N, C-alpha and C. Protein backbone atom coordinates (compact mmCIF):
# COMPACT_ATOMS: atom_id res chain seq x y z
N MET A 1 83.81 46.07 71.69
CA MET A 1 84.95 45.10 71.42
C MET A 1 86.44 46.02 72.30
N ASN A 2 86.82 45.06 73.03
CA ASN A 2 87.94 45.91 73.97
C ASN A 2 89.46 44.85 73.73
N SER A 3 90.37 45.89 72.52
CA SER A 3 91.62 45.37 72.33
C SER A 3 92.98 46.01 73.15
N THR A 4 93.49 44.97 73.35
CA THR A 4 94.69 45.29 74.77
C THR A 4 96.25 45.03 73.29
N PHE A 5 97.01 46.26 73.67
CA PHE A 5 98.08 46.08 72.54
C PHE A 5 99.30 46.18 73.35
N SER A 6 100.36 45.49 73.31
CA SER A 6 101.56 45.49 74.16
C SER A 6 102.59 46.13 73.64
N THR A 7 103.22 47.12 73.97
CA THR A 7 104.65 47.55 73.49
C THR A 7 105.71 46.93 73.68
N GLU A 8 105.79 45.76 74.75
CA GLU A 8 106.37 44.97 74.86
C GLU A 8 107.03 44.06 73.76
N LEU A 9 108.32 43.97 73.75
CA LEU A 9 108.89 42.77 72.52
C LEU A 9 109.08 41.85 73.10
N PRO A 10 108.75 40.69 72.16
CA PRO A 10 109.01 39.01 73.05
C PRO A 10 110.49 39.39 73.65
N VAL A 11 110.96 38.10 74.12
CA VAL A 11 111.75 37.83 74.87
C VAL A 11 113.23 37.84 73.45
N ASN A 12 112.78 37.09 72.70
CA ASN A 12 113.58 36.84 71.52
C ASN A 12 114.01 37.46 70.25
N ALA A 13 113.02 38.86 70.54
CA ALA A 13 112.95 39.69 69.67
C ALA A 13 114.29 40.99 69.67
N THR A 14 114.83 41.04 68.59
CA THR A 14 115.44 42.46 68.40
C THR A 14 115.28 43.35 67.37
N PRO A 15 114.94 44.54 68.24
CA PRO A 15 114.44 45.30 67.03
C PRO A 15 115.79 46.04 66.61
N LEU A 16 115.20 46.79 64.79
CA LEU A 16 115.89 46.84 64.29
C LEU A 16 116.79 48.45 65.00
N GLN A 17 118.30 48.56 64.95
CA GLN A 17 118.86 49.62 65.77
C GLN A 17 120.16 50.05 64.46
N LEU A 18 120.11 51.55 64.32
CA LEU A 18 121.34 51.61 63.61
C LEU A 18 122.52 52.11 64.57
N ASP A 19 123.49 51.55 63.63
CA ASP A 19 124.68 51.64 64.46
C ASP A 19 125.54 52.93 64.34
N SER A 20 126.35 53.46 65.13
CA SER A 20 126.77 54.97 64.74
C SER A 20 127.12 54.99 63.32
N ALA A 21 128.06 54.49 62.94
CA ALA A 21 128.63 54.26 61.79
C ALA A 21 127.61 54.32 60.80
N LEU A 22 126.58 53.57 60.40
CA LEU A 22 125.73 53.64 59.36
C LEU A 22 124.49 55.35 59.59
N THR A 23 124.51 55.32 60.81
CA THR A 23 123.58 56.80 61.46
C THR A 23 125.05 58.00 60.39
N ALA A 24 125.85 57.77 60.73
CA ALA A 24 126.69 59.22 60.12
C ALA A 24 126.79 58.99 59.04
N GLN A 25 126.45 58.03 58.11
CA GLN A 25 126.69 57.69 56.88
C GLN A 25 125.22 58.56 56.25
N VAL A 26 124.11 57.99 56.76
CA VAL A 26 122.89 58.99 56.74
C VAL A 26 123.06 60.16 56.59
N ILE A 27 123.52 60.66 57.93
CA ILE A 27 123.80 62.18 57.92
C ILE A 27 124.52 62.79 56.86
N THR A 28 125.60 62.32 56.33
CA THR A 28 126.55 62.93 55.29
C THR A 28 125.59 62.67 54.12
N LEU A 29 124.81 61.80 53.91
CA LEU A 29 124.20 61.85 52.70
C LEU A 29 123.22 63.05 52.88
N GLY A 30 122.71 62.87 53.73
CA GLY A 30 121.54 63.92 53.54
C GLY A 30 121.96 65.37 53.80
N ASN A 31 123.24 65.49 54.45
CA ASN A 31 123.78 66.83 53.97
C ASN A 31 124.49 67.09 52.50
N ALA A 32 124.69 65.87 51.91
CA ALA A 32 125.37 66.35 50.71
C ALA A 32 124.03 66.43 49.83
N LEU A 33 122.93 65.50 49.51
CA LEU A 33 121.75 66.16 49.23
C LEU A 33 121.12 66.84 49.20
N LYS A 34 121.04 67.86 50.53
CA LYS A 34 120.50 69.31 50.86
C LYS A 34 121.65 70.14 50.07
N ALA A 35 122.61 69.96 50.35
CA ALA A 35 123.78 70.80 49.68
C ALA A 35 123.51 70.89 47.91
N LYS A 36 122.91 70.16 47.34
CA LYS A 36 122.95 69.98 45.97
C LYS A 36 121.38 70.31 45.68
N GLY A 37 120.37 70.30 46.92
CA GLY A 37 118.92 70.46 46.39
C GLY A 37 118.17 69.51 45.84
N TRP A 38 118.76 68.66 46.15
CA TRP A 38 118.50 67.04 45.49
C TRP A 38 117.68 66.22 46.46
N THR A 39 116.90 65.03 46.20
CA THR A 39 115.98 64.29 47.00
C THR A 39 116.60 63.02 46.52
N VAL A 40 116.32 61.92 47.39
CA VAL A 40 116.60 60.73 47.05
C VAL A 40 115.11 59.73 47.68
N SER A 41 114.76 58.51 46.47
CA SER A 41 113.93 57.50 46.69
C SER A 41 114.33 56.44 46.43
N SER A 42 113.47 55.26 46.85
CA SER A 42 113.78 54.27 46.73
C SER A 42 112.63 53.11 46.70
N ALA A 43 113.50 51.56 46.34
CA ALA A 43 112.19 51.19 46.12
C ALA A 43 112.81 49.61 46.50
N GLU A 44 112.14 48.52 47.34
CA GLU A 44 113.08 47.43 48.19
C GLU A 44 111.95 46.22 48.07
N SER A 45 112.74 45.26 48.19
CA SER A 45 112.11 44.17 47.99
C SER A 45 112.54 43.33 49.09
N CYS A 46 113.73 42.61 48.97
CA CYS A 46 114.24 41.93 50.32
C CYS A 46 114.46 42.69 51.69
N THR A 47 114.69 44.04 51.62
CA THR A 47 115.23 44.68 52.75
C THR A 47 113.86 45.33 53.24
N GLY A 48 112.63 45.14 52.78
CA GLY A 48 111.45 44.94 53.28
C GLY A 48 111.12 46.76 54.04
N GLY A 49 111.99 47.98 53.32
CA GLY A 49 111.65 49.20 53.92
C GLY A 49 112.75 49.46 54.53
N GLY A 50 113.48 48.82 54.91
CA GLY A 50 114.64 49.16 55.75
C GLY A 50 115.38 50.08 55.23
N VAL A 51 115.72 50.39 53.95
CA VAL A 51 116.68 51.45 53.29
C VAL A 51 115.75 52.86 54.17
N ALA A 52 114.49 52.87 53.71
CA ALA A 52 113.30 54.49 53.94
C ALA A 52 113.80 54.19 55.22
N PHE A 53 113.88 53.09 56.22
CA PHE A 53 113.66 53.30 57.86
C PHE A 53 115.05 53.67 58.15
N VAL A 54 116.11 53.58 57.77
CA VAL A 54 117.36 54.41 58.12
C VAL A 54 117.35 55.46 57.58
N PHE A 55 116.96 55.81 56.64
CA PHE A 55 116.53 57.27 56.03
C PHE A 55 115.86 58.16 57.20
N THR A 56 114.54 57.53 57.60
CA THR A 56 113.65 58.55 58.25
C THR A 56 114.43 58.46 59.48
N SER A 57 115.25 57.66 60.14
CA SER A 57 115.84 57.55 61.76
C SER A 57 116.37 58.76 62.08
N VAL A 58 116.97 59.78 60.67
CA VAL A 58 117.56 60.76 61.37
C VAL A 58 116.72 62.06 61.23
N SER A 59 117.15 62.91 62.12
CA SER A 59 115.89 64.19 62.08
C SER A 59 116.47 64.83 60.84
N GLY A 60 115.55 65.55 60.52
CA GLY A 60 115.69 66.74 59.04
C GLY A 60 115.63 65.71 57.91
N SER A 61 115.38 64.50 57.84
CA SER A 61 115.19 63.82 56.44
C SER A 61 114.30 64.13 55.74
N SER A 62 113.11 64.84 56.53
CA SER A 62 112.49 65.22 55.50
C SER A 62 112.40 66.52 54.42
N ASP A 63 113.87 67.03 54.55
CA ASP A 63 114.16 67.98 53.57
C ASP A 63 114.81 67.32 52.50
N TRP A 64 115.59 65.89 52.40
CA TRP A 64 115.96 65.09 51.33
C TRP A 64 115.16 64.00 51.12
N PHE A 65 114.65 63.37 51.73
CA PHE A 65 113.84 61.97 51.76
C PHE A 65 112.70 62.09 50.90
N ASN A 66 112.72 61.30 49.80
CA ASN A 66 111.08 62.04 49.18
C ASN A 66 110.04 60.72 49.28
N GLN A 67 110.24 59.56 49.11
CA GLN A 67 109.56 58.45 49.05
C GLN A 67 109.77 57.26 48.83
N SER A 68 109.20 56.14 48.96
CA SER A 68 109.75 54.85 49.07
C SER A 68 108.66 53.84 48.67
N TRP A 69 109.14 52.97 47.82
CA TRP A 69 108.05 51.82 47.65
C TRP A 69 108.52 50.22 48.17
N VAL A 70 107.77 49.72 48.84
CA VAL A 70 108.23 48.25 49.16
C VAL A 70 107.53 47.28 48.09
N THR A 71 108.21 47.09 46.55
CA THR A 71 107.73 46.31 45.92
C THR A 71 108.12 44.32 45.95
N TYR A 72 107.69 44.15 47.37
CA TYR A 72 108.31 42.46 47.70
C TYR A 72 107.69 41.43 45.92
N SER A 73 106.37 41.67 46.05
CA SER A 73 105.75 41.05 44.81
C SER A 73 106.55 41.05 43.62
N ASN A 74 106.43 39.97 42.45
CA ASN A 74 106.54 40.63 40.83
C ASN A 74 105.26 41.19 40.72
N GLU A 75 104.09 41.25 40.95
CA GLU A 75 103.19 41.98 40.27
C GLU A 75 103.32 43.53 40.98
N ALA A 76 103.87 43.83 42.12
CA ALA A 76 104.23 45.07 42.85
C ALA A 76 105.38 45.64 41.61
N LYS A 77 106.46 45.03 41.79
CA LYS A 77 107.43 45.48 40.75
C LYS A 77 106.75 45.84 39.41
N ARG A 78 105.97 44.82 38.82
CA ARG A 78 105.35 45.59 37.60
C ARG A 78 104.42 46.55 37.62
N THR A 79 103.65 46.53 38.15
CA THR A 79 102.49 47.79 38.26
C THR A 79 102.63 48.71 39.00
N VAL A 80 103.65 48.96 40.00
CA VAL A 80 103.85 50.06 40.90
C VAL A 80 105.20 50.56 40.06
N LEU A 81 106.07 49.94 39.67
CA LEU A 81 107.05 50.47 39.02
C LEU A 81 107.41 50.26 37.60
N GLY A 82 106.33 49.53 36.86
CA GLY A 82 106.71 49.49 35.39
C GLY A 82 107.62 48.19 34.90
N VAL A 83 108.06 47.33 35.92
CA VAL A 83 109.31 46.37 35.41
C VAL A 83 108.27 45.61 34.64
N ASN A 84 108.88 45.27 33.44
CA ASN A 84 108.12 44.36 32.31
C ASN A 84 107.95 43.18 32.63
N GLU A 85 107.16 42.31 32.36
CA GLU A 85 106.82 41.17 32.73
C GLU A 85 107.88 40.15 32.41
N ASN A 86 108.00 40.32 30.79
CA ASN A 86 109.26 39.61 30.20
C ASN A 86 110.94 39.61 30.91
N THR A 87 111.14 40.65 31.38
CA THR A 87 112.35 41.04 32.35
C THR A 87 112.18 40.03 33.51
N LEU A 88 110.85 39.91 34.15
CA LEU A 88 110.78 39.30 35.32
C LEU A 88 110.67 37.67 34.78
N THR A 89 110.17 37.27 33.88
CA THR A 89 110.15 35.94 33.55
C THR A 89 111.51 35.37 33.01
N GLN A 90 112.53 36.44 31.79
CA GLN A 90 113.35 36.02 31.45
C GLN A 90 114.20 35.87 32.54
N TYR A 91 114.87 36.91 33.22
CA TYR A 91 115.54 36.92 34.10
C TYR A 91 115.63 36.91 35.59
N GLY A 92 114.56 37.09 36.03
CA GLY A 92 113.90 36.75 37.47
C GLY A 92 113.59 38.16 38.42
N ALA A 93 113.45 38.31 39.34
CA ALA A 93 113.11 39.82 40.23
C ALA A 93 114.33 40.06 40.90
N VAL A 94 115.48 39.19 40.63
CA VAL A 94 116.74 39.56 41.44
C VAL A 94 117.81 39.20 40.31
N SER A 95 117.88 40.29 39.69
CA SER A 95 118.71 40.50 38.41
C SER A 95 118.94 41.90 38.21
N GLN A 96 120.11 42.24 37.45
CA GLN A 96 120.67 43.22 36.82
C GLN A 96 119.32 44.11 36.19
N GLN A 97 118.58 43.32 35.35
CA GLN A 97 117.72 43.78 34.85
C GLN A 97 116.33 44.37 35.52
N THR A 98 116.26 43.86 36.22
CA THR A 98 115.25 43.97 37.28
C THR A 98 115.55 45.48 38.20
N VAL A 99 116.27 45.56 38.65
CA VAL A 99 116.75 46.57 39.34
C VAL A 99 117.14 47.96 38.75
N GLU A 100 117.50 47.61 37.35
CA GLU A 100 117.38 48.66 36.68
C GLU A 100 116.41 49.31 36.34
N GLU A 101 115.27 48.39 35.83
CA GLU A 101 113.91 48.79 35.37
C GLU A 101 113.26 49.47 36.79
N MET A 102 113.41 48.88 37.87
CA MET A 102 112.60 49.15 39.11
C MET A 102 113.21 50.89 39.23
N ALA A 103 114.49 51.07 39.04
CA ALA A 103 115.13 52.30 39.31
C ALA A 103 114.91 53.48 38.25
N ARG A 104 114.58 53.17 37.08
CA ARG A 104 113.81 54.04 36.17
C ARG A 104 112.55 54.30 36.71
N GLY A 105 111.56 53.12 37.34
CA GLY A 105 110.09 53.40 37.67
C GLY A 105 110.20 54.60 38.89
N VAL A 106 111.36 54.10 39.72
CA VAL A 106 111.27 55.47 40.88
C VAL A 106 111.54 56.77 40.45
N ARG A 107 112.16 56.49 39.37
CA ARG A 107 112.60 58.14 39.07
C ARG A 107 111.76 58.73 38.35
N ARG A 108 110.74 58.07 37.80
CA ARG A 108 109.42 58.21 37.11
C ARG A 108 108.35 58.55 37.74
N ASN A 109 108.20 57.93 38.87
CA ASN A 109 107.16 58.42 39.73
C ASN A 109 107.54 59.28 40.98
N SER A 110 108.99 59.44 41.15
CA SER A 110 109.05 60.56 42.18
C SER A 110 109.88 61.58 41.57
N GLY A 111 110.62 61.69 40.69
CA GLY A 111 111.38 62.83 40.20
C GLY A 111 112.78 62.88 40.86
N ALA A 112 112.94 62.16 41.99
CA ALA A 112 114.08 61.97 42.61
C ALA A 112 115.58 61.76 41.73
N GLU A 113 116.01 62.66 41.98
CA GLU A 113 117.87 63.02 41.65
C GLU A 113 118.58 61.75 42.03
N LEU A 114 118.52 61.22 42.93
CA LEU A 114 119.06 59.78 43.41
C LEU A 114 118.28 58.96 44.09
N VAL A 115 118.62 57.55 42.89
CA VAL A 115 117.32 56.41 43.57
C VAL A 115 118.33 55.16 43.72
N VAL A 116 117.76 54.81 44.47
CA VAL A 116 118.30 53.27 45.06
C VAL A 116 117.21 51.90 44.93
N THR A 117 117.49 51.18 44.22
CA THR A 117 116.62 50.29 44.50
C THR A 117 117.18 48.78 44.77
N VAL A 118 116.50 47.67 45.60
CA VAL A 118 116.79 46.35 46.30
C VAL A 118 116.21 45.51 46.19
N SER A 119 116.78 44.04 45.02
CA SER A 119 115.93 42.88 45.11
C SER A 119 117.22 41.89 45.45
N GLY A 120 116.64 40.90 46.22
CA GLY A 120 117.71 39.68 46.69
C GLY A 120 116.73 38.50 47.17
N ILE A 121 117.73 37.68 47.84
CA ILE A 121 117.34 36.47 48.21
C ILE A 121 117.63 36.59 49.61
N ALA A 122 116.94 36.98 50.84
CA ALA A 122 117.65 36.99 52.23
C ALA A 122 117.41 35.77 52.72
N GLY A 123 116.70 34.60 52.38
CA GLY A 123 116.97 33.54 53.03
C GLY A 123 116.10 33.09 54.11
N PRO A 124 116.09 32.14 54.66
CA PRO A 124 117.05 31.09 54.69
C PRO A 124 116.53 30.03 53.56
N SER A 125 115.32 30.37 52.78
CA SER A 125 115.34 29.30 51.91
C SER A 125 114.94 30.21 50.50
N GLY A 126 115.01 29.93 49.09
CA GLY A 126 115.00 30.72 48.01
C GLY A 126 115.80 30.86 47.36
N GLY A 127 116.84 30.49 47.39
CA GLY A 127 118.19 30.56 46.59
C GLY A 127 118.56 29.22 45.73
N SER A 128 119.03 29.50 44.93
CA SER A 128 119.57 28.21 43.77
C SER A 128 120.97 28.45 43.60
N ALA A 129 121.16 27.29 42.66
CA ALA A 129 122.95 27.26 42.16
C ALA A 129 123.41 28.60 42.10
N ASP A 130 122.66 29.43 40.69
CA ASP A 130 122.58 30.52 40.13
C ASP A 130 122.56 31.56 41.04
N LYS A 131 121.62 31.85 41.77
CA LYS A 131 121.58 32.94 42.90
C LYS A 131 121.72 32.44 44.40
N PRO A 132 122.36 31.99 45.05
CA PRO A 132 122.36 31.14 46.19
C PRO A 132 121.64 32.66 47.48
N VAL A 133 121.36 32.06 48.45
CA VAL A 133 120.95 33.10 49.61
C VAL A 133 121.80 34.04 49.94
N GLY A 134 121.46 35.39 49.86
CA GLY A 134 122.50 36.31 50.11
C GLY A 134 122.78 37.02 48.93
N THR A 135 122.44 36.57 47.70
CA THR A 135 122.56 37.40 46.44
C THR A 135 121.76 38.55 46.77
N VAL A 136 122.30 39.71 46.27
CA VAL A 136 121.45 41.14 46.51
C VAL A 136 121.66 41.91 45.11
N TRP A 137 120.80 42.11 44.54
CA TRP A 137 121.22 43.15 43.21
C TRP A 137 120.67 44.72 43.74
N PHE A 138 121.57 45.60 43.39
CA PHE A 138 121.22 47.27 43.61
C PHE A 138 121.10 47.65 42.35
N GLY A 139 120.36 48.85 42.11
CA GLY A 139 119.93 49.72 40.73
C GLY A 139 119.92 50.86 41.74
N PHE A 140 121.28 51.77 41.14
CA PHE A 140 121.25 53.07 41.40
C PHE A 140 121.29 54.11 40.56
N LEU A 141 120.52 55.17 40.50
CA LEU A 141 120.74 56.31 39.65
C LEU A 141 121.21 57.89 40.48
N CYS A 142 121.99 58.30 40.24
CA CYS A 142 122.62 59.50 40.64
C CYS A 142 122.80 60.49 39.56
N GLY A 143 122.14 61.30 39.36
CA GLY A 143 121.76 62.40 37.92
C GLY A 143 121.45 61.58 36.81
N GLU A 144 122.13 61.49 36.17
CA GLU A 144 122.10 60.64 34.54
C GLU A 144 122.63 59.42 35.10
N GLN A 145 124.04 59.29 35.97
CA GLN A 145 124.61 58.24 36.20
C GLN A 145 123.73 56.82 36.74
N SER A 146 123.92 55.88 36.10
CA SER A 146 123.21 54.38 36.28
C SER A 146 124.40 53.24 36.50
N GLU A 147 123.96 52.97 37.33
CA GLU A 147 124.59 51.61 38.30
C GLU A 147 123.61 50.38 38.44
N GLN A 148 124.24 49.43 38.22
CA GLN A 148 123.65 48.12 38.98
C GLN A 148 124.81 47.05 39.50
N ILE A 149 124.49 46.73 40.85
CA ILE A 149 125.84 45.89 41.23
C ILE A 149 125.23 45.07 42.04
N LYS A 150 126.04 43.74 41.67
CA LYS A 150 125.44 42.30 42.66
C LYS A 150 126.65 42.15 44.02
N GLN A 151 126.06 41.64 44.58
CA GLN A 151 126.53 41.70 45.78
C GLN A 151 125.90 40.17 46.52
N VAL A 152 127.09 39.28 47.05
CA VAL A 152 126.27 38.01 48.06
C VAL A 152 127.23 38.50 49.03
N PHE A 153 126.05 38.43 50.10
CA PHE A 153 126.57 38.75 51.79
C PHE A 153 126.14 37.10 52.11
N SER A 154 126.91 36.86 53.41
CA SER A 154 126.79 35.70 54.21
C SER A 154 125.70 35.99 55.42
N GLY A 155 125.59 34.92 55.66
CA GLY A 155 124.73 35.27 57.22
C GLY A 155 123.20 34.81 56.85
N ASN A 156 122.90 34.89 58.04
CA ASN A 156 121.19 34.88 58.42
C ASN A 156 120.07 35.92 57.70
N ARG A 157 119.36 35.68 57.83
CA ARG A 157 118.11 36.62 57.03
C ARG A 157 118.62 38.12 57.36
N GLU A 158 118.73 38.21 58.74
CA GLU A 158 118.66 39.75 59.30
C GLU A 158 120.07 40.08 59.02
N GLN A 159 121.24 39.06 59.03
CA GLN A 159 122.56 39.91 58.40
C GLN A 159 122.54 40.15 57.31
N VAL A 160 121.89 39.25 56.41
CA VAL A 160 121.75 39.75 55.13
C VAL A 160 121.22 41.00 54.64
N ARG A 161 120.19 41.31 55.39
CA ARG A 161 119.16 42.73 55.11
C ARG A 161 120.32 43.52 55.24
N SER A 162 120.49 43.26 56.88
CA SER A 162 121.03 44.22 57.28
C SER A 162 122.26 44.84 56.39
N ALA A 163 123.28 43.98 55.95
CA ALA A 163 124.30 44.17 54.74
C ALA A 163 123.96 44.70 53.95
N ALA A 164 122.79 44.57 53.20
CA ALA A 164 122.15 45.19 52.15
C ALA A 164 122.09 46.60 52.06
N ILE A 165 121.17 46.83 53.49
CA ILE A 165 120.75 48.12 54.08
C ILE A 165 122.38 49.00 53.88
N THR A 166 123.29 48.70 54.46
CA THR A 166 124.46 49.47 54.77
C THR A 166 125.27 49.55 53.44
N PHE A 167 125.32 48.25 52.63
CA PHE A 167 125.49 48.71 51.21
C PHE A 167 125.16 49.57 50.57
N ALA A 168 123.84 49.83 50.62
CA ALA A 168 122.92 50.53 49.79
C ALA A 168 123.20 52.14 50.12
N VAL A 169 123.63 52.42 51.25
CA VAL A 169 123.59 53.58 52.15
C VAL A 169 124.94 54.07 51.51
N ASN A 170 126.25 53.10 51.97
CA ASN A 170 127.64 53.49 51.65
C ASN A 170 127.76 53.76 50.09
N HIS A 171 127.05 53.43 49.46
CA HIS A 171 127.28 53.18 47.79
C HIS A 171 126.28 54.67 47.40
N LEU A 172 125.43 54.70 47.78
CA LEU A 172 124.72 56.40 47.50
C LEU A 172 125.93 57.65 47.83
N VAL A 173 126.38 57.35 49.31
CA VAL A 173 127.22 58.56 49.62
C VAL A 173 128.40 58.51 48.52
N LYS A 174 128.93 57.17 48.53
CA LYS A 174 130.03 57.31 47.24
C LYS A 174 129.86 58.25 45.85
N MET A 175 128.30 57.29 45.45
CA MET A 175 128.20 58.18 44.28
C MET A 175 127.91 59.20 44.02
N LEU A 176 126.99 59.68 45.29
CA LEU A 176 127.26 61.35 45.60
C LEU A 176 128.36 61.98 45.31
N SER A 177 129.17 61.61 46.29
CA SER A 177 130.44 62.34 46.42
C SER A 177 130.87 62.64 45.15
N GLU A 178 130.78 61.61 44.11
CA GLU A 178 131.65 61.59 42.96
C GLU A 178 130.78 61.96 41.84
N ASN A 179 129.63 62.61 42.02
CA ASN A 179 128.69 63.36 41.07
C ASN A 179 128.95 65.03 41.45
């Protein structure tokens, strides 16, 4: 069987690219982690590995980026990260409780000192009155400090995902600078 693969992007495709500000933040994050002798790990849902992508987009990230999981389904959140079924049933995948449990699972599985988890509704479907499209919950662990933050971003699916990735990186830098 003969297969041909094209490296050409479709005319309407837009490759994910880092802007200079995000790249600078990732470099700042990496330098701070190296200085502390720490690593970062992540688990993502709506961003589909975008946070891990930006981490690995800078040279030398193997010195400070440990590992990542894309736990898009509730089943993956439960089986891979240990999110409690009752948490998912009672609060949903897009909740403070879920990203907190995801973060504990990432820490348990990776041993990373810095952790970020992301779960949200990028759209265009899936939103509700309580959780509109653009709602994203983040879970962070920095040493012993734990934070869960809700953001509601506007825009289309890619804009929401991009904003979530940028927020995650910026908040990691902020937490690390305060720790």
